[in-house]
Each structure stands twice: as structure tokens, then as C-alpha cells.
Amino acid sequence: MSEKVSIGDRVVAAGFAAGWTLVPLLPQRPTAAVFRFLADRVWSRRGKSVRRLESNLARVTGLPPDSAELRELSRAGMRSYFRYFHEIFRLPSMDRGEIVRRTHVIGAEHIHDNVAAGRGVVLALPHMGNWDQAGAWLVGVGHPFTTVAERLKPESLFRRYVAFREGLGMEVLPLTGGDGHNFGTLAGRVRKGGVVCLPAERDLTKSGIEVTFFGATTKYPAGPPLLAVQTGAALLPATVYFVGDDWGIHIHPELPVPAEGSRQEKVAAVAQGLADVFEKGISEHPEDWHMLQRLWLDDLEPR
């Protein structure tokens, strides 16, 4: 059966195709200004995504809904989000050495030391900053890795995203529609001492783990904590953010797996530890947390 593609999906796919084709050919500063302008236009219209971002940021910061402070934070958030898209269009043509030089990293030794010892690493990240740039940095310092990508619509857009990430040196597995053995593949990579990077604060499956996150319940993906429990790989939370025109990555210490308890209890404990670290990282850089979707269970529409 052929894929049903809406006009909106076709427009988005065409926009991304044009972005990857045209943006690298144009001067950086003018195109960055255009993306800031577009972010401000979207923000000023106060559509559904902007209102959701503000609702999420209100939970994170405690700022009153509809306050001037929250509105300014959401504006900064939209500018950060659009900066991400501007940068991914330029990343394939950027010098890899420049990417490494302009990335300010805290805790890189947590990756280097484990890999040098032959131990696999699972890097778990929230949707912050420019996670694709962080991946380019990781490849640039000698650690190619495997990740999983949400299957976007239309299929042409998904294929372009995969090609973009593979061009940066990543191995990309589709979240859905693949061979159905993603967990086994990821486990195999870390058991051989490799690195896996996974988004980790928004569950896109039906097997998420309930955690307390900023005082309310949400579900985290089971994959990162389960890999640590099952394989003994080092699970390292990482938060990603912008530093002026450059980038920052904070790689936090390994989350320990409890020695006692059932597998389910261990996975739940590790998932909660991940949520606790992400709380701190997001609180330090709330404008760079790109969560424009419903996240907490009490925000979800009943089904």
C-alpha cells in the first residue's frame, strides 16, 4: 500500500530539501538572521506548538503561565529551536576540525576512559541544543556511534534525515519499519565496546518507564536503562546546549545500576536517575530544551 502524504508533509519535505541544498551556499550571518526572524514570527503567532512549549517551560521553571518572563523564555526557546534547523543545514559542509574546536565539553573523559577500557557506552540525551552537532563532535573525536531515528513522514524526509546523519558518521536504525531487532543490534554494539546515543526523555513506544520529572509523572524510553542493566555498558547522561555561537556538551558521570532487585526494578531505578540528571541540565539551560509536544501524563489526551 502506498504511503498517504498530506500537502503539509510535502511542503515540509520540500523545505528541508531546499535547506540542505541552498543554506550551505549562502553566507552564515544573513541566513542565521532569517531563521531568527522566522522563529520570532512563529512565536508571535502563538500557535499550538508555542503554547505547548510555554506550558512545558512553566513546569520546568515555575514561572507563572502567561507571565512576561515565560513569554520571553519561550521566545528564546523558539530561537534556539530554529537555530538547530539552521545549523543542521550547514553541518554537512562544515569543517570537522572546526566543529570539534568550537565544542566546549565537560566530562569527555567519561566516554574516552570507558571506550579505552573496552567497555561500551550508552549516551542518553534529552531533546536539547543541537544533538546532531553533538554527534558530529563525537565522531570527530574518534567515537562513531549507533543511534535510532523516529520515522518521519513523508518517507522522503526520513531518508534525507538518515542520509544527513550517516554523512556525519552515524549508524542510524529506524525506530519503526526496520527489521524489528533494534535492541539486539544496540546491545551487540555496546557489548563489543562501541558507543550508542539515544534520545531519552520522551517515550515514543508503549513500553516506557514511569518516572517523576519536575514533580509530575511522565514516561521515559526503556531502551537506555535496559541496555545498561542487560549489557553492563556505562550509561552516561548528556545535556547539550548553545554557548554563544559555539556549542556545549555536559557528559555526566555514569549512572550506577543497583546491585539488588529484579530487572524491572533496576531499570526503573536507572530511569529515575536519568530523569534526575536531566532535570538539573534542563534547569540550567531551559531555553535550549526543544520540547514542543505533550510530555507529562496529566497533559495527554485520554485515549
C-alpha atoms as a PDB file:
ATOM      1  CA  MET A   1       0.000   0.000   0.000  1.00  0.00           C
ATOM      2  CA  SER A   2       1.402   3.401  -0.955  1.00  0.00           C
ATOM      3  CA  GLU A   3       2.148   5.987   1.723  1.00  0.00           C
ATOM      4  CA  LYS A   4      -0.511   8.662   2.252  1.00  0.00           C
ATOM      5  CA  VAL A   5       1.246  12.023   2.241  1.00  0.00           C
ATOM      6  CA  SER A   6      -0.531  15.275   3.068  1.00  0.00           C
ATOM      7  CA  ILE A   7       0.155  18.554   1.298  1.00  0.00           C
ATOM      8  CA  GLY A   8       1.673  19.843   4.538  1.00  0.00           C
ATOM      9  CA  ASP A   9       4.075  16.896   4.688  1.00  0.00           C
ATOM     10  CA  ARG A  10       5.123  17.529   1.092  1.00  0.00           C
ATOM     11  CA  VAL A  11       5.766  21.210   1.827  1.00  0.00           C
ATOM     12  CA  VAL A  12       7.883  20.335   4.888  1.00  0.00           C
ATOM     13  CA  ALA A  13       9.887  17.779   2.911  1.00  0.00           C
ATOM     14  CA  ALA A  14      10.468  20.294   0.122  1.00  0.00           C
ATOM     15  CA  GLY A  15      11.564  22.894   2.680  1.00  0.00           C
ATOM     16  CA  PHE A  16      14.126  20.538   4.190  1.00  0.00           C
ATOM     17  CA  ALA A  17      15.410  19.566   0.746  1.00  0.00           C
ATOM     18  CA  ALA A  18      15.843  23.240  -0.129  1.00  0.00           C
ATOM     19  CA  GLY A  19      17.519  23.900   3.224  1.00  0.00           C
ATOM     20  CA  TRP A  20      20.169  21.214   2.755  1.00  0.00           C
ATOM     21  CA  THR A  21      20.738  22.380  -0.816  1.00  0.00           C
ATOM     22  CA  LEU A  22      20.704  26.176  -0.518  1.00  0.00           C
ATOM     23  CA  VAL A  23      21.663  27.199   3.029  1.00  0.00           C
ATOM     24  CA  PRO A  24      25.290  25.951   2.801  1.00  0.00           C
ATOM     25  CA  LEU A  25      25.757  28.048  -0.358  1.00  0.00           C
ATOM     26  CA  LEU A  26      24.768  31.306   1.367  1.00  0.00           C
ATOM     27  CA  PRO A  27      26.646  33.440   3.940  1.00  0.00           C
ATOM     28  CA  GLN A  28      26.157  32.248   7.511  1.00  0.00           C
ATOM     29  CA  ARG A  29      25.162  35.518   9.219  1.00  0.00           C
ATOM     30  CA  PRO A  30      22.346  36.528   6.859  1.00  0.00           C
ATOM     31  CA  THR A  31      20.823  33.049   6.895  1.00  0.00           C
ATOM     32  CA  ALA A  32      21.057  32.933  10.704  1.00  0.00           C
ATOM     33  CA  ALA A  33      19.190  36.254  10.818  1.00  0.00           C
ATOM     34  CA  VAL A  34      16.477  34.833   8.550  1.00  0.00           C
ATOM     35  CA  PHE A  35      15.991  31.849  10.853  1.00  0.00           C
ATOM     36  CA  ARG A  36      15.762  34.158  13.906  1.00  0.00           C
ATOM     37  CA  PHE A  37      13.163  36.215  12.051  1.00  0.00           C
ATOM     38  CA  LEU A  38      11.160  33.080  11.238  1.00  0.00           C
ATOM     39  CA  ALA A  39      11.380  31.960  14.874  1.00  0.00           C
ATOM     40  CA  ASP A  40      10.019  35.309  16.039  1.00  0.00           C
ATOM     41  CA  ARG A  41       7.181  35.144  13.522  1.00  0.00           C
ATOM     42  CA  VAL A  42       6.166  31.668  14.673  1.00  0.00           C
ATOM     43  CA  TRP A  43       6.475  32.726  18.323  1.00  0.00           C
ATOM     44  CA  SER A  44       4.369  35.879  17.852  1.00  0.00           C
ATOM     45  CA  ARG A  45       1.519  33.897  16.291  1.00  0.00           C
ATOM     46  CA  ARG A  46       1.289  31.851  19.496  1.00  0.00           C
ATOM     47  CA  GLY A  47       0.236  28.650  17.809  1.00  0.00           C
ATOM     48  CA  LYS A  48      -0.280  25.252  19.364  1.00  0.00           C
ATOM     49  CA  SER A  49       3.408  24.307  19.479  1.00  0.00           C
ATOM     50  CA  VAL A  50       4.424  27.598  21.102  1.00  0.00           C
ATOM     51  CA  ARG A  51       1.687  27.281  23.732  1.00  0.00           C
ATOM     52  CA  ARG A  52       2.806  23.732  24.472  1.00  0.00           C
ATOM     53  CA  LEU A  53       6.429  24.869  24.792  1.00  0.00           C
ATOM     54  CA  GLU A  54       5.340  27.544  27.258  1.00  0.00           C
ATOM     55  CA  SER A  55       3.313  25.033  29.257  1.00  0.00           C
ATOM     56  CA  ASN A  56       6.318  22.711  29.445  1.00  0.00           C
ATOM     57  CA  LEU A  57       8.669  25.546  30.388  1.00  0.00           C
ATOM     58  CA  ALA A  58       6.263  26.688  33.104  1.00  0.00           C
ATOM     59  CA  ARG A  59       6.625  23.262  34.741  1.00  0.00           C
ATOM     60  CA  VAL A  60      10.394  23.390  34.421  1.00  0.00           C
ATOM     61  CA  THR A  61      10.905  26.912  35.741  1.00  0.00           C
ATOM     62  CA  GLY A  62       7.899  27.534  37.977  1.00  0.00           C
ATOM     63  CA  LEU A  63       7.193  30.777  36.100  1.00  0.00           C
ATOM     64  CA  PRO A  64       3.516  31.815  36.131  1.00  0.00           C
ATOM     65  CA  PRO A  65       1.570  30.980  32.944  1.00  0.00           C
ATOM     66  CA  ASP A  66       1.157  33.988  30.622  1.00  0.00           C
ATOM     67  CA  SER A  67       3.808  35.938  32.541  1.00  0.00           C
ATOM     68  CA  ALA A  68       6.142  38.241  30.640  1.00  0.00           C
ATOM     69  CA  GLU A  69       9.115  36.211  31.866  1.00  0.00           C
ATOM     70  CA  LEU A  70       7.670  32.988  30.490  1.00  0.00           C
ATOM     71  CA  ARG A  71       6.872  34.619  27.158  1.00  0.00           C
ATOM     72  CA  GLU A  72      10.438  35.873  26.806  1.00  0.00           C
ATOM     73  CA  LEU A  73      11.770  32.431  27.692  1.00  0.00           C
ATOM     74  CA  SER A  74       9.570  30.802  25.068  1.00  0.00           C
ATOM     75  CA  ARG A  75      10.799  33.333  22.509  1.00  0.00           C
ATOM     76  CA  ALA A  76      14.385  32.389  23.337  1.00  0.00           C
ATOM     77  CA  GLY A  77      13.291  28.746  23.108  1.00  0.00           C
ATOM     78  CA  MET A  78      11.896  29.175  19.609  1.00  0.00           C
ATOM     79  CA  ARG A  79      15.046  30.988  18.502  1.00  0.00           C
ATOM     80  CA  SER A  80      17.088  28.100  19.868  1.00  0.00           C
ATOM     81  CA  TYR A  81      14.866  25.596  18.070  1.00  0.00           C
ATOM     82  CA  PHE A  82      15.164  27.397  14.732  1.00  0.00           C
ATOM     83  CA  ARG A  83      18.915  27.757  15.263  1.00  0.00           C
ATOM     84  CA  TYR A  84      19.044  23.956  15.418  1.00  0.00           C
ATOM     85  CA  PHE A  85      17.479  23.715  11.952  1.00  0.00           C
ATOM     86  CA  HIS A  86      19.719  26.423  10.526  1.00  0.00           C
ATOM     87  CA  GLU A  87      22.760  24.551  11.811  1.00  0.00           C
ATOM     88  CA  ILE A  88      21.777  21.107  10.570  1.00  0.00           C
ATOM     89  CA  PHE A  89      21.515  22.501   7.055  1.00  0.00           C
ATOM     90  CA  ARG A  90      25.112  23.796   7.373  1.00  0.00           C
ATOM     91  CA  LEU A  91      26.657  20.889   9.279  1.00  0.00           C
ATOM     92  CA  PRO A  92      27.413  18.649   6.252  1.00  0.00           C
ATOM     93  CA  SER A  93      29.582  21.374   4.713  1.00  0.00           C
ATOM     94  CA  MET A  94      31.324  22.449   7.944  1.00  0.00           C
ATOM     95  CA  ASP A  95      34.941  21.570   8.635  1.00  0.00           C
ATOM     96  CA  ARG A  96      35.038  18.699  11.157  1.00  0.00           C
ATOM     97  CA  GLY A  97      38.022  20.217  12.915  1.00  0.00           C
ATOM     98  CA  GLU A  98      36.085  23.447  13.418  1.00  0.00           C
ATOM     99  CA  ILE A  99      33.168  21.525  14.912  1.00  0.00           C
ATOM    100  CA  VAL A 100      35.491  19.872  17.441  1.00  0.00           C
ATOM    101  CA  ARG A 101      37.298  23.139  18.275  1.00  0.00           C
ATOM    102  CA  ARG A 102      34.079  25.055  18.891  1.00  0.00           C
ATOM    103  CA  THR A 103      32.512  22.401  21.110  1.00  0.00           C
ATOM    104  CA  HIS A 104      33.062  23.029  24.825  1.00  0.00           C
ATOM    105  CA  VAL A 105      32.795  19.712  26.638  1.00  0.00           C
ATOM    106  CA  ILE A 106      32.568  18.874  30.327  1.00  0.00           C
ATOM    107  CA  GLY A 107      33.184  15.243  31.234  1.00  0.00           C
ATOM    108  CA  ALA A 108      34.532  13.908  27.922  1.00  0.00           C
ATOM    109  CA  GLU A 109      36.764  11.576  29.935  1.00  0.00           C
ATOM    110  CA  HIS A 110      33.706   9.522  30.907  1.00  0.00           C
ATOM    111  CA  ILE A 111      33.441   8.437  27.266  1.00  0.00           C
ATOM    112  CA  HIS A 112      37.145   8.190  26.476  1.00  0.00           C
ATOM    113  CA  ASP A 113      38.063   6.171  29.571  1.00  0.00           C
ATOM    114  CA  ASN A 114      35.295   3.600  29.153  1.00  0.00           C
ATOM    115  CA  VAL A 115      35.957   3.087  25.446  1.00  0.00           C
ATOM    116  CA  ALA A 116      39.694   2.820  26.060  1.00  0.00           C
ATOM    117  CA  ALA A 117      38.968   0.078  28.614  1.00  0.00           C
ATOM    118  CA  GLY A 118      36.910  -1.823  26.039  1.00  0.00           C
ATOM    119  CA  ARG A 119      33.596  -1.065  27.741  1.00  0.00           C
ATOM    120  CA  GLY A 120      30.552   0.006  25.764  1.00  0.00           C
ATOM    121  CA  VAL A 121      28.899   3.370  26.361  1.00  0.00           C
ATOM    122  CA  VAL A 122      25.250   4.407  26.141  1.00  0.00           C
ATOM    123  CA  LEU A 123      24.890   8.187  25.861  1.00  0.00           C
ATOM    124  CA  ALA A 124      21.359   9.308  26.775  1.00  0.00           C
ATOM    125  CA  LEU A 125      20.271  12.798  25.750  1.00  0.00           C
ATOM    126  CA  PRO A 126      17.179  14.969  26.130  1.00  0.00           C
ATOM    127  CA  HIS A 127      15.983  16.998  23.140  1.00  0.00           C
ATOM    128  CA  MET A 128      18.283  19.941  23.793  1.00  0.00           C
ATOM    129  CA  GLY A 129      20.521  22.251  21.787  1.00  0.00           C
ATOM    130  CA  ASN A 130      21.881  20.689  18.613  1.00  0.00           C
ATOM    131  CA  TRP A 131      22.114  16.956  19.247  1.00  0.00           C
ATOM    132  CA  ASP A 132      23.231  16.339  15.646  1.00  0.00           C
ATOM    133  CA  GLN A 133      26.173  18.695  16.159  1.00  0.00           C
ATOM    134  CA  ALA A 134      26.974  16.829  19.371  1.00  0.00           C
ATOM    135  CA  GLY A 135      27.011  13.647  17.305  1.00  0.00           C
ATOM    136  CA  ALA A 136      29.361  15.252  14.783  1.00  0.00           C
ATOM    137  CA  TRP A 137      31.681  16.196  17.670  1.00  0.00           C
ATOM    138  CA  LEU A 138      31.593  12.632  18.998  1.00  0.00           C
ATOM    139  CA  VAL A 139      32.532  11.217  15.601  1.00  0.00           C
ATOM    140  CA  GLY A 140      35.175  13.923  15.232  1.00  0.00           C
ATOM    141  CA  VAL A 141      36.952  12.873  18.431  1.00  0.00           C
ATOM    142  CA  GLY A 142      37.088   9.266  17.299  1.00  0.00           C
ATOM    143  CA  HIS A 143      33.874   7.641  18.506  1.00  0.00           C
ATOM    144  CA  PRO A 144      31.497   6.695  15.663  1.00  0.00           C
ATOM    145  CA  PHE A 145      28.224   5.517  17.132  1.00  0.00           C
ATOM    146  CA  THR A 146      24.828   3.984  16.525  1.00  0.00           C
ATOM    147  CA  THR A 147      21.539   5.774  17.088  1.00  0.00           C
ATOM    148  CA  VAL A 148      17.819   5.302  16.463  1.00  0.00           C
ATOM    149  CA  ALA A 149      15.718   7.779  14.467  1.00  0.00           C
ATOM    150  CA  GLU A 150      11.988   8.406  14.600  1.00  0.00           C
ATOM    151  CA  ARG A 151      10.373   7.538  11.280  1.00  0.00           C
ATOM    152  CA  LEU A 152       9.261  10.881   9.876  1.00  0.00           C
ATOM    153  CA  LYS A 153       6.640  11.482   7.208  1.00  0.00           C
ATOM    154  CA  PRO A 154       6.896  11.540   4.286  1.00  0.00           C
ATOM    155  CA  GLU A 155       9.371   8.743   3.696  1.00  0.00           C
ATOM    156  CA  SER A 156      11.479  11.037   1.529  1.00  0.00           C
ATOM    157  CA  LEU A 157      12.100  13.329   4.517  1.00  0.00           C
ATOM    158  CA  PHE A 158      13.047  10.373   6.708  1.00  0.00           C
ATOM    159  CA  ARG A 159      15.508   9.165   4.075  1.00  0.00           C
ATOM    160  CA  ARG A 160      17.062  12.638   3.829  1.00  0.00           C
ATOM    161  CA  TYR A 161      17.469  12.814   7.618  1.00  0.00           C
ATOM    162  CA  VAL A 162      19.088   9.374   7.654  1.00  0.00           C
ATOM    163  CA  ALA A 163      21.421  10.349   4.808  1.00  0.00           C
ATOM    164  CA  PHE A 164      22.315  13.578   6.640  1.00  0.00           C
ATOM    165  CA  ARG A 165      23.198  11.721   9.847  1.00  0.00           C
ATOM    166  CA  GLU A 166      25.033   8.938   8.057  1.00  0.00           C
ATOM    167  CA  GLY A 167      27.034  11.636   6.273  1.00  0.00           C
ATOM    168  CA  LEU A 168      28.167  12.877   9.687  1.00  0.00           C
ATOM    169  CA  GLY A 169      29.418   9.390  10.535  1.00  0.00           C
ATOM    170  CA  MET A 170      26.482   7.917  12.466  1.00  0.00           C
ATOM    171  CA  GLU A 171      24.909   4.494  12.027  1.00  0.00           C
ATOM    172  CA  VAL A 172      21.135   5.097  12.012  1.00  0.00           C
ATOM    173  CA  LEU A 173      18.483   2.496  12.820  1.00  0.00           C
ATOM    174  CA  PRO A 174      14.791   3.313  12.165  1.00  0.00           C
ATOM    175  CA  LEU A 175      12.584   3.348  15.252  1.00  0.00           C
ATOM    176  CA  THR A 176       9.853   1.574  13.277  1.00  0.00           C
ATOM    177  CA  GLY A 177       9.734  -0.237   9.972  1.00  0.00           C
ATOM    178  CA  GLY A 178      13.145  -1.878  10.272  1.00  0.00           C
ATOM    179  CA  ASP A 179      13.972  -5.494  10.988  1.00  0.00           C
ATOM    180  CA  GLY A 180      12.459  -5.310  14.487  1.00  0.00           C
ATOM    181  CA  HIS A 181      15.777  -6.133  16.174  1.00  0.00           C
ATOM    182  CA  ASN A 182      16.955  -2.666  17.228  1.00  0.00           C
ATOM    183  CA  PHE A 183      17.579  -3.597  20.850  1.00  0.00           C
ATOM    184  CA  GLY A 184      19.612  -6.628  19.866  1.00  0.00           C
ATOM    185  CA  THR A 185      21.659  -4.551  17.432  1.00  0.00           C
ATOM    186  CA  LEU A 186      22.313  -1.847  20.029  1.00  0.00           C
ATOM    187  CA  ALA A 187      23.214  -4.441  22.656  1.00  0.00           C
ATOM    188  CA  GLY A 188      25.630  -6.041  20.215  1.00  0.00           C
ATOM    189  CA  ARG A 189      27.313  -2.689  19.549  1.00  0.00           C
ATOM    190  CA  VAL A 190      27.961  -1.903  23.229  1.00  0.00           C
ATOM    191  CA  ARG A 191      28.971  -5.470  24.075  1.00  0.00           C
ATOM    192  CA  LYS A 192      31.764  -5.027  21.526  1.00  0.00           C
ATOM    193  CA  GLY A 193      32.860  -1.818  23.253  1.00  0.00           C
ATOM    194  CA  GLY A 194      31.032   0.573  20.941  1.00  0.00           C
ATOM    195  CA  VAL A 195      29.037   3.725  21.594  1.00  0.00           C
ATOM    196  CA  VAL A 196      25.268   4.162  21.316  1.00  0.00           C
ATOM    197  CA  CYS A 197      23.472   7.533  21.518  1.00  0.00           C
ATOM    198  CA  LEU A 198      19.744   7.660  22.228  1.00  0.00           C
ATOM    199  CA  PRO A 199      17.135  10.360  22.905  1.00  0.00           C
ATOM    200  CA  ALA A 200      15.868   9.549  26.358  1.00  0.00           C
ATOM    201  CA  GLU A 201      13.216  11.848  27.829  1.00  0.00           C
ATOM    202  CA  ARG A 202      10.223  11.273  25.533  1.00  0.00           C
ATOM    203  CA  ASP A 203       8.792   7.796  25.067  1.00  0.00           C
ATOM    204  CA  LEU A 204       7.564   7.046  21.536  1.00  0.00           C
ATOM    205  CA  THR A 205       6.605   3.439  22.276  1.00  0.00           C
ATOM    206  CA  LYS A 206       4.156   1.659  24.548  1.00  0.00           C
ATOM    207  CA  SER A 207       6.858   0.268  26.824  1.00  0.00           C
ATOM    208  CA  GLY A 208       8.028   3.438  28.586  1.00  0.00           C
ATOM    209  CA  ILE A 209       9.105   3.581  32.221  1.00  0.00           C
ATOM    210  CA  GLU A 210       7.210   5.904  34.566  1.00  0.00           C
ATOM    211  CA  VAL A 211       9.437   8.483  36.265  1.00  0.00           C
ATOM    212  CA  THR A 212       8.935  11.629  38.292  1.00  0.00           C
ATOM    213  CA  PHE A 213      10.191  14.555  36.235  1.00  0.00           C
ATOM    214  CA  PHE A 214       9.914  18.116  37.540  1.00  0.00           C
ATOM    215  CA  GLY A 215       7.388  16.949  40.123  1.00  0.00           C
ATOM    216  CA  ALA A 216       4.990  15.121  37.784  1.00  0.00           C
ATOM    217  CA  THR A 217       4.818  11.713  36.124  1.00  0.00           C
ATOM    218  CA  THR A 218       5.962  11.027  32.591  1.00  0.00           C
ATOM    219  CA  LYS A 219       7.369   8.029  30.727  1.00  0.00           C
ATOM    220  CA  TYR A 220      10.979   7.634  29.657  1.00  0.00           C
ATOM    221  CA  PRO A 221      12.088   5.199  26.940  1.00  0.00           C
ATOM    222  CA  ALA A 222      13.122   1.844  28.391  1.00  0.00           C
ATOM    223  CA  GLY A 223      15.988   1.399  25.927  1.00  0.00           C
ATOM    224  CA  PRO A 224      18.867   3.335  27.576  1.00  0.00           C
ATOM    225  CA  PRO A 225      18.417   1.973  31.136  1.00  0.00           C
ATOM    226  CA  LEU A 226      17.663  -1.527  29.856  1.00  0.00           C
ATOM    227  CA  LEU A 227      20.868  -1.556  27.794  1.00  0.00           C
ATOM    228  CA  ALA A 228      22.857  -0.639  30.900  1.00  0.00           C
ATOM    229  CA  VAL A 229      21.147  -3.317  33.004  1.00  0.00           C
ATOM    230  CA  GLN A 230      21.375  -6.056  30.359  1.00  0.00           C
ATOM    231  CA  THR A 231      24.851  -5.449  28.970  1.00  0.00           C
ATOM    232  CA  GLY A 232      26.819  -3.709  31.715  1.00  0.00           C
ATOM    233  CA  ALA A 233      27.527  -0.747  29.425  1.00  0.00           C
ATOM    234  CA  ALA A 234      28.177   2.620  31.050  1.00  0.00           C
ATOM    235  CA  LEU A 235      25.056   4.781  30.876  1.00  0.00           C
ATOM    236  CA  LEU A 236      26.134   8.420  30.627  1.00  0.00           C
ATOM    237  CA  PRO A 237      23.519  11.193  30.661  1.00  0.00           C
ATOM    238  CA  ALA A 238      24.494  14.112  28.430  1.00  0.00           C
ATOM    239  CA  THR A 239      22.961  17.566  28.162  1.00  0.00           C
ATOM    240  CA  VAL A 240      23.545  19.722  25.079  1.00  0.00           C
ATOM    241  CA  TYR A 241      23.202  23.491  24.818  1.00  0.00           C
ATOM    242  CA  PHE A 242      24.388  26.564  22.946  1.00  0.00           C
ATOM    243  CA  VAL A 243      27.329  28.678  24.135  1.00  0.00           C
ATOM    244  CA  GLY A 244      27.263  31.958  22.210  1.00  0.00           C
ATOM    245  CA  ASP A 245      27.952  30.978  18.600  1.00  0.00           C
ATOM    246  CA  ASP A 246      29.510  27.707  19.800  1.00  0.00           C
ATOM    247  CA  TRP A 247      28.165  24.567  21.469  1.00  0.00           C
ATOM    248  CA  GLY A 248      28.326  22.986  24.901  1.00  0.00           C
ATOM    249  CA  ILE A 249      28.046  19.365  25.984  1.00  0.00           C
ATOM    250  CA  HIS A 250      27.963  18.185  29.594  1.00  0.00           C
ATOM    251  CA  ILE A 251      28.623  14.465  29.863  1.00  0.00           C
ATOM    252  CA  HIS A 252      27.599  13.463  33.356  1.00  0.00           C
ATOM    253  CA  PRO A 253      29.110  10.619  35.394  1.00  0.00           C
ATOM    254  CA  GLU A 254      27.863   7.079  34.878  1.00  0.00           C
ATOM    255  CA  LEU A 255      24.512   6.189  36.396  1.00  0.00           C
ATOM    256  CA  PRO A 256      25.018   3.136  38.621  1.00  0.00           C
ATOM    257  CA  VAL A 257      22.835   0.056  38.203  1.00  0.00           C
ATOM    258  CA  PRO A 258      21.521  -1.169  41.590  1.00  0.00           C
ATOM    259  CA  ALA A 259      23.098  -4.408  42.750  1.00  0.00           C
ATOM    260  CA  GLU A 260      19.836  -5.721  44.198  1.00  0.00           C
ATOM    261  CA  GLY A 261      16.317  -6.092  42.824  1.00  0.00           C
ATOM    262  CA  SER A 262      14.577  -7.546  39.800  1.00  0.00           C
ATOM    263  CA  ARG A 263      15.453  -6.441  36.274  1.00  0.00           C
ATOM    264  CA  GLN A 264      12.305  -4.313  36.202  1.00  0.00           C
ATOM    265  CA  GLU A 265      13.222  -2.635  39.495  1.00  0.00           C
ATOM    266  CA  LYS A 266      16.765  -1.944  38.304  1.00  0.00           C
ATOM    267  CA  VAL A 267      15.557  -0.445  35.034  1.00  0.00           C
ATOM    268  CA  ALA A 268      13.059   1.764  36.903  1.00  0.00           C
ATOM    269  CA  ALA A 269      15.749   2.983  39.307  1.00  0.00           C
ATOM    270  CA  VAL A 270      18.154   3.830  36.476  1.00  0.00           C
ATOM    271  CA  ALA A 271      15.402   5.610  34.520  1.00  0.00           C
ATOM    272  CA  GLN A 272      14.615   7.748  37.570  1.00  0.00           C
ATOM    273  CA  GLY A 273      18.305   8.558  37.952  1.00  0.00           C
ATOM    274  CA  LEU A 274      18.320   9.698  34.337  1.00  0.00           C
ATOM    275  CA  ALA A 275      15.316  11.949  34.968  1.00  0.00           C
ATOM    276  CA  ASP A 276      17.029  13.495  37.993  1.00  0.00           C
ATOM    277  CA  VAL A 277      20.147  14.373  35.946  1.00  0.00           C
ATOM    278  CA  PHE A 278      18.090  15.745  33.066  1.00  0.00           C
ATOM    279  CA  GLU A 279      16.161  17.957  35.498  1.00  0.00           C
ATOM    280  CA  LYS A 280      19.395  19.646  36.510  1.00  0.00           C
ATOM    281  CA  GLY A 281      20.667  20.056  32.954  1.00  0.00           C
ATOM    282  CA  ILE A 282      17.374  21.398  31.604  1.00  0.00           C
ATOM    283  CA  SER A 283      17.009  23.775  34.567  1.00  0.00           C
ATOM    284  CA  GLU A 284      20.427  25.249  33.720  1.00  0.00           C
ATOM    285  CA  HIS A 285      19.526  25.773  30.037  1.00  0.00           C
ATOM    286  CA  PRO A 286      15.709  25.833  29.743  1.00  0.00           C
ATOM    287  CA  GLU A 287      15.772  27.950  26.575  1.00  0.00           C
ATOM    288  CA  ASP A 288      17.608  25.136  24.772  1.00  0.00           C
ATOM    289  CA  TRP A 289      15.114  22.389  25.658  1.00  0.00           C
ATOM    290  CA  HIS A 290      13.114  21.794  22.477  1.00  0.00           C
ATOM    291  CA  MET A 291      10.016  20.094  23.855  1.00  0.00           C
ATOM    292  CA  LEU A 292       7.082  21.330  21.788  1.00  0.00           C
ATOM    293  CA  GLN A 293       4.962  18.215  22.405  1.00  0.00           C
ATOM    294  CA  ARG A 294       2.916  16.892  25.291  1.00  0.00           C
ATOM    295  CA  LEU A 295       5.186  15.077  27.726  1.00  0.00           C
ATOM    296  CA  TRP A 296       3.648  14.590  31.155  1.00  0.00           C
ATOM    297  CA  LEU A 297       0.901  12.032  31.602  1.00  0.00           C
ATOM    298  CA  ASP A 298      -1.587  14.532  33.019  1.00  0.00           C
ATOM    299  CA  ASP A 299      -1.185  16.603  29.818  1.00  0.00           C
ATOM    300  CA  LEU A 300      -2.000  13.720  27.499  1.00  0.00           C
ATOM    301  CA  GLU A 301      -5.384  13.477  25.854  1.00  0.00           C
ATOM    302  CA  PRO A 302      -7.357  10.474  27.145  1.00  0.00           C
ATOM    303  CA  ARG A 303      -7.480   7.594  24.679  1.00  0.00           C
END
